[in-house]
Amino acid sequence: MKFDLVLCGVGGQGVLTTAYVLDHAAVDAGLYFKQPEVHGMAQRGGAVSAQLRISDVPVSSDVISDGGASLIISVEPMESLRYLQLLRPDGWIVTDVTPLKNIADYPDLTRLYQTLFSLPHVLAVDASRLAAKAGVMKAPNIVVLGAAASLLPLAVPSLEKHIAALFAAKGERVQTANRKAFRMGRAASRFAAALTERGVPHALMARVVARLDFDETPAPVPVVEAWSERLLKPDGADLAARVLGSHDLVPLDARLPEALA
């Protein structure tokens, strides 16, 4: 087994925190890993990235070759696109959809989303708003990690254990909030998978999931079925565009798809 992934974002978004959780979960699983230097740490707001290579045999090189990464986990949408050359054709991007405009020439958001959602394997979540809902503004990285968990060769209980350990010194409230943030991300990925299983085109699924309001628990089956049925109608693309264009989280309610018609 070999699994290469890229972690990215900007300074202050918790890329190193995510790496800590993944590294320790890999040790729990008895796997080998290598993680080279993280770039951009010296400047808050500057680009930050780390390459993590996980394997069941010793890892010789700490650099991922072009086309070798199975996954990009990003806390910023533009940063997720920066490392596309490293991604395998069947690799996934899991990212926060919320832009952090840290440069003067940040791309137009409409064009950025068009590029992002044209890719074949993307899961975007409104991690910043979900983190705030969980009670910890600084945890979009934990939401994104939860969304990526099903794509990782690591056990979810181990990931949760090391999230709890990381925040143990900050008290039970912070631990609980980060655990909730992680599970919200997991609920988003399960909802995305359920829509896909019901035949919703990937581009529509990705746009809708990016703005939906998730709780810790998976969406009920009737809610999944209502959204699937509505998105499969001839104007499903228009609905997905309206959801993505919302300025707030869209409630996950079985009645809502028709209300947005």
Protein backbone atom coordinates (compact mmCIF):
# COMPACT_ATOMS: atom_id res chain seq x y z
CA MET A 1 0.00 0.00 0.00
CA LYS A 2 1.22 3.47 -0.90
CA PHE A 3 -0.73 6.67 -0.33
CA ASP A 4 0.65 10.11 -1.12
CA LEU A 5 -1.17 13.30 -0.18
CA VAL A 6 -0.63 17.04 -0.23
CA LEU A 7 -1.74 19.32 2.60
CA CYS A 8 -2.07 22.99 1.76
CA GLY A 9 -3.52 26.33 2.77
CA VAL A 10 -2.11 29.62 3.99
CA GLY A 11 -0.25 30.51 7.15
CA GLY A 12 -2.45 30.35 10.24
CA GLN A 13 -5.00 27.88 8.80
CA GLY A 14 -3.70 24.83 10.65
CA VAL A 15 -1.91 22.86 7.95
CA LEU A 16 0.61 21.69 10.56
CA THR A 17 -2.23 20.69 12.88
CA THR A 18 -3.68 18.48 10.16
CA ALA A 19 -0.24 16.96 9.54
CA TYR A 20 0.11 16.18 13.26
CA VAL A 21 -3.16 14.24 13.32
CA LEU A 22 -2.35 12.29 10.15
CA ASP A 23 1.20 11.48 11.22
CA HIS A 24 0.09 10.08 14.58
CA ALA A 25 -2.79 8.11 13.05
CA ALA A 26 -0.32 6.56 10.60
CA VAL A 27 1.87 5.48 13.54
CA ASP A 28 -1.19 3.96 15.23
CA ALA A 29 -1.83 1.93 12.08
CA GLY A 30 1.73 0.61 12.04
CA LEU A 31 2.47 2.40 8.77
CA TYR A 32 5.59 4.17 7.60
CA PHE A 33 5.45 7.82 6.62
CA LYS A 34 7.63 10.67 5.48
CA GLN A 35 6.78 14.33 5.62
CA PRO A 36 9.26 16.83 4.21
CA GLU A 37 9.62 20.45 5.18
CA VAL A 38 6.48 22.55 5.33
CA HIS A 39 6.88 25.71 3.26
CA GLY A 40 5.54 29.17 4.03
CA MET A 41 5.45 28.98 7.81
CA ALA A 42 7.47 32.14 8.31
CA GLN A 43 4.75 34.38 6.91
CA ARG A 44 1.24 34.38 8.31
CA GLY A 45 -1.03 34.48 5.30
CA GLY A 46 1.62 33.04 2.97
CA ALA A 47 1.15 29.79 1.10
CA VAL A 48 1.82 26.67 3.19
CA SER A 49 2.15 23.11 1.92
CA ALA A 50 3.33 19.74 3.11
CA GLN A 51 3.71 16.44 1.31
CA LEU A 52 2.87 13.32 3.29
CA ARG A 53 3.77 9.84 2.04
CA ILE A 54 2.19 6.87 3.83
CA SER A 55 3.09 3.24 3.09
CA ASP A 56 3.17 -0.26 4.56
CA VAL A 57 6.83 -0.51 3.54
CA PRO A 58 9.67 1.94 4.25
CA VAL A 59 9.43 5.14 2.20
CA SER A 60 12.65 6.00 0.39
CA SER A 61 11.85 9.46 -0.98
CA ASP A 62 10.06 12.29 0.78
CA VAL A 63 8.97 14.03 -2.44
CA ILE A 64 5.80 13.23 -4.37
CA SER A 65 6.35 13.02 -8.11
CA ASP A 66 4.03 14.70 -10.59
CA GLY A 67 0.86 12.66 -10.99
CA GLY A 68 1.56 10.65 -7.84
CA ALA A 69 -0.73 12.13 -5.16
CA SER A 70 -3.98 10.36 -4.32
CA LEU A 71 -5.39 13.33 -2.41
CA ILE A 72 -5.06 17.07 -1.89
CA ILE A 73 -6.44 18.34 1.42
CA SER A 74 -6.73 22.12 1.33
CA VAL A 75 -8.08 24.79 3.66
CA GLU A 76 -8.29 27.37 0.84
CA PRO A 77 -9.78 26.85 -2.65
CA MET A 78 -7.15 28.63 -4.74
CA GLU A 79 -4.36 26.81 -2.89
CA SER A 80 -5.98 23.47 -3.75
CA LEU A 81 -5.42 24.23 -7.44
CA ARG A 82 -1.78 25.19 -6.97
CA TYR A 83 -0.73 21.53 -6.67
CA LEU A 84 -2.81 19.97 -9.45
CA GLN A 85 0.29 18.74 -11.26
CA LEU A 86 0.96 16.41 -8.33
CA LEU A 87 -2.50 14.82 -8.42
CA ARG A 88 -3.21 11.43 -10.00
CA PRO A 89 -5.89 11.35 -12.72
CA ASP A 90 -8.19 9.55 -10.26
CA GLY A 91 -7.05 11.61 -7.26
CA TRP A 92 -9.37 13.75 -5.14
CA ILE A 93 -9.33 17.35 -3.93
CA VAL A 94 -11.04 18.05 -0.60
CA THR A 95 -11.12 21.74 0.22
CA ASP A 96 -12.77 24.56 2.09
CA VAL A 97 -14.77 26.61 -0.43
CA THR A 98 -14.14 29.84 1.52
CA PRO A 99 -11.52 32.10 -0.10
CA LEU A 100 -8.80 33.76 1.93
CA LYS A 101 -7.73 36.61 -0.34
CA ASN A 102 -4.14 36.94 0.81
CA ILE A 103 -2.77 38.32 -2.47
CA ALA A 104 -3.61 41.46 -4.47
CA ASP A 105 -4.33 39.55 -7.68
CA TYR A 106 -6.51 36.84 -6.16
CA PRO A 107 -8.53 35.34 -9.05
CA ASP A 108 -12.15 36.19 -9.71
CA LEU A 109 -14.22 33.89 -7.51
CA THR A 110 -16.63 32.88 -10.27
CA ARG A 111 -13.75 31.77 -12.49
CA LEU A 112 -12.06 30.05 -9.56
CA TYR A 113 -15.18 28.02 -8.80
CA GLN A 114 -15.66 27.19 -12.49
CA THR A 115 -12.17 25.74 -12.59
CA LEU A 116 -12.49 23.92 -9.27
CA PHE A 117 -15.88 22.33 -9.99
CA SER A 118 -14.92 21.32 -13.51
CA LEU A 119 -12.49 18.79 -12.04
CA PRO A 120 -13.74 15.19 -11.88
CA HIS A 121 -13.07 14.44 -8.20
CA VAL A 122 -13.74 17.40 -5.91
CA LEU A 123 -15.39 17.64 -2.51
CA ALA A 124 -15.74 21.22 -1.28
CA VAL A 125 -17.36 22.20 2.02
CA ASP A 126 -18.08 25.54 3.65
CA ALA A 127 -15.63 24.59 6.36
CA SER A 128 -15.24 28.08 7.78
CA ARG A 129 -18.96 28.47 8.52
CA LEU A 130 -19.30 24.88 9.72
CA ALA A 131 -16.38 25.40 12.12
CA ALA A 132 -18.05 28.50 13.51
CA LYS A 133 -21.25 26.52 13.97
CA ALA A 134 -19.29 23.83 15.82
CA GLY A 135 -18.06 26.51 18.22
CA VAL A 136 -14.44 26.90 17.15
CA MET A 137 -13.72 29.53 14.50
CA LYS A 138 -10.17 28.28 13.92
CA ALA A 139 -11.16 24.74 12.93
CA PRO A 140 -11.92 24.80 9.17
CA ASN A 141 -8.93 22.47 8.79
CA ILE A 142 -10.60 19.94 11.09
CA VAL A 143 -13.84 20.12 9.09
CA VAL A 144 -11.88 19.51 5.88
CA LEU A 145 -10.01 16.63 7.51
CA GLY A 146 -13.35 15.07 8.44
CA ALA A 147 -14.55 15.44 4.87
CA ALA A 148 -11.40 13.70 3.63
CA ALA A 149 -11.45 10.91 6.21
CA SER A 150 -13.21 8.34 4.01
CA LEU A 151 -10.48 8.74 1.38
CA LEU A 152 -7.62 8.10 3.80
CA PRO A 153 -6.04 4.72 4.63
CA LEU A 154 -6.40 5.59 8.32
CA ALA A 155 -9.00 4.67 10.93
CA VAL A 156 -11.54 7.35 11.84
CA PRO A 157 -11.35 6.53 15.60
CA SER A 158 -7.59 7.06 15.45
CA LEU A 159 -8.03 10.43 13.74
CA GLU A 160 -10.56 11.49 16.37
CA LYS A 161 -8.27 10.29 19.16
CA HIS A 162 -5.41 12.47 18.00
CA ILE A 163 -7.65 15.48 17.45
CA ALA A 164 -8.73 15.13 21.07
CA ALA A 165 -5.12 14.71 22.23
CA LEU A 166 -4.00 17.76 20.29
CA PHE A 167 -6.53 20.00 22.03
CA ALA A 168 -6.53 18.31 25.45
CA ALA A 169 -4.68 21.18 27.11
CA LYS A 170 -7.37 23.63 25.96
CA GLY A 171 -10.15 21.91 27.86
CA GLU A 172 -13.23 19.83 27.21
CA ARG A 173 -15.15 22.56 25.37
CA VAL A 174 -12.47 22.96 22.71
CA GLN A 175 -12.03 19.20 22.38
CA THR A 176 -15.77 18.73 21.93
CA ALA A 177 -16.04 21.55 19.39
CA ASN A 178 -13.20 20.14 17.28
CA ARG A 179 -14.69 16.66 17.40
CA LYS A 180 -18.01 18.15 16.24
CA ALA A 181 -16.22 19.99 13.41
CA PHE A 182 -14.60 16.74 12.27
CA ARG A 183 -17.92 14.91 12.28
CA MET A 184 -19.62 17.69 10.32
CA GLY A 185 -17.02 17.16 7.60
CA ARG A 186 -17.69 13.42 7.72
CA ALA A 187 -21.43 14.06 7.33
CA ALA A 188 -20.73 16.22 4.27
CA SER A 189 -18.67 13.49 2.60
CA ARG A 190 -21.35 10.88 3.31
CA PHE A 191 -24.03 13.11 1.83
CA ALA A 192 -21.88 13.66 -1.26
CA ALA A 193 -21.37 9.93 -1.68
CA ALA A 194 -25.10 9.29 -1.27
CA LEU A 195 -25.99 11.83 -3.97
CA THR A 196 -23.43 10.29 -6.32
CA GLU A 197 -24.77 6.79 -5.68
CA ARG A 198 -28.21 8.02 -6.75
CA GLY A 199 -26.87 9.30 -10.05
CA VAL A 200 -26.46 13.01 -9.36
CA PRO A 201 -23.72 14.35 -11.69
CA HIS A 202 -20.50 15.12 -9.88
CA ALA A 203 -20.45 18.81 -10.82
CA LEU A 204 -23.93 19.34 -9.33
CA MET A 205 -23.16 17.33 -6.21
CA ALA A 206 -19.97 19.32 -5.60
CA ARG A 207 -21.65 22.72 -5.95
CA VAL A 208 -24.49 21.80 -3.61
CA VAL A 209 -22.40 20.18 -0.88
CA ALA A 210 -20.16 23.27 -0.84
CA ARG A 211 -22.90 25.40 0.73
CA LEU A 212 -25.02 22.97 2.75
CA ASP A 213 -25.36 23.14 6.51
CA PHE A 214 -24.36 19.81 8.08
CA ASP A 215 -24.67 18.46 11.61
CA GLU A 216 -22.58 15.77 13.30
CA THR A 217 -24.84 12.93 12.14
CA PRO A 218 -25.41 11.72 8.56
CA ALA A 219 -28.35 13.24 6.68
CA PRO A 220 -31.54 11.17 6.92
CA VAL A 221 -32.42 9.07 3.88
CA PRO A 222 -35.54 11.15 3.01
CA VAL A 223 -33.38 14.28 2.86
CA VAL A 224 -30.87 12.59 0.56
CA GLU A 225 -33.65 11.31 -1.67
CA ALA A 226 -35.33 14.74 -1.87
CA TRP A 227 -32.12 16.47 -2.92
CA SER A 228 -31.24 13.70 -5.38
CA GLU A 229 -34.65 13.79 -7.04
CA ARG A 230 -34.58 17.57 -7.32
CA LEU A 231 -31.03 17.75 -8.72
CA LEU A 232 -31.86 15.13 -11.35
CA LYS A 233 -34.62 17.31 -12.80
CA PRO A 234 -33.87 19.21 -16.04
CA ASP A 235 -33.12 22.43 -14.14
CA GLY A 236 -30.95 20.74 -11.52
CA ALA A 237 -27.90 22.69 -12.68
CA ASP A 238 -29.72 25.96 -12.04
CA LEU A 239 -30.59 24.82 -8.52
CA ALA A 240 -26.98 23.83 -7.84
CA ALA A 241 -25.78 27.24 -9.04
CA ARG A 242 -28.23 29.02 -6.72
CA VAL A 243 -27.11 26.94 -3.76
CA LEU A 244 -23.44 27.66 -4.47
CA GLY A 245 -24.22 31.36 -4.87
CA SER A 246 -25.88 31.57 -1.46
CA HIS A 247 -24.20 33.95 0.98
CA ASP A 248 -25.14 31.73 3.92
CA LEU A 249 -25.26 28.04 4.69
CA VAL A 250 -28.29 26.42 3.09
CA PRO A 251 -30.31 24.28 5.55
CA LEU A 252 -30.27 20.56 4.88
CA ASP A 253 -34.02 20.06 4.76
CA ALA A 254 -36.05 17.64 2.67
CA ARG A 255 -38.48 20.45 1.75
CA LEU A 256 -35.79 22.89 0.68
CA PRO A 257 -35.00 21.71 -2.87
CA GLU A 258 -38.56 22.50 -3.95
CA ALA A 259 -38.56 25.76 -1.99
CA LEU A 260 -35.52 26.85 -4.01
CA ALA A 261 -37.17 25.94 -7.32
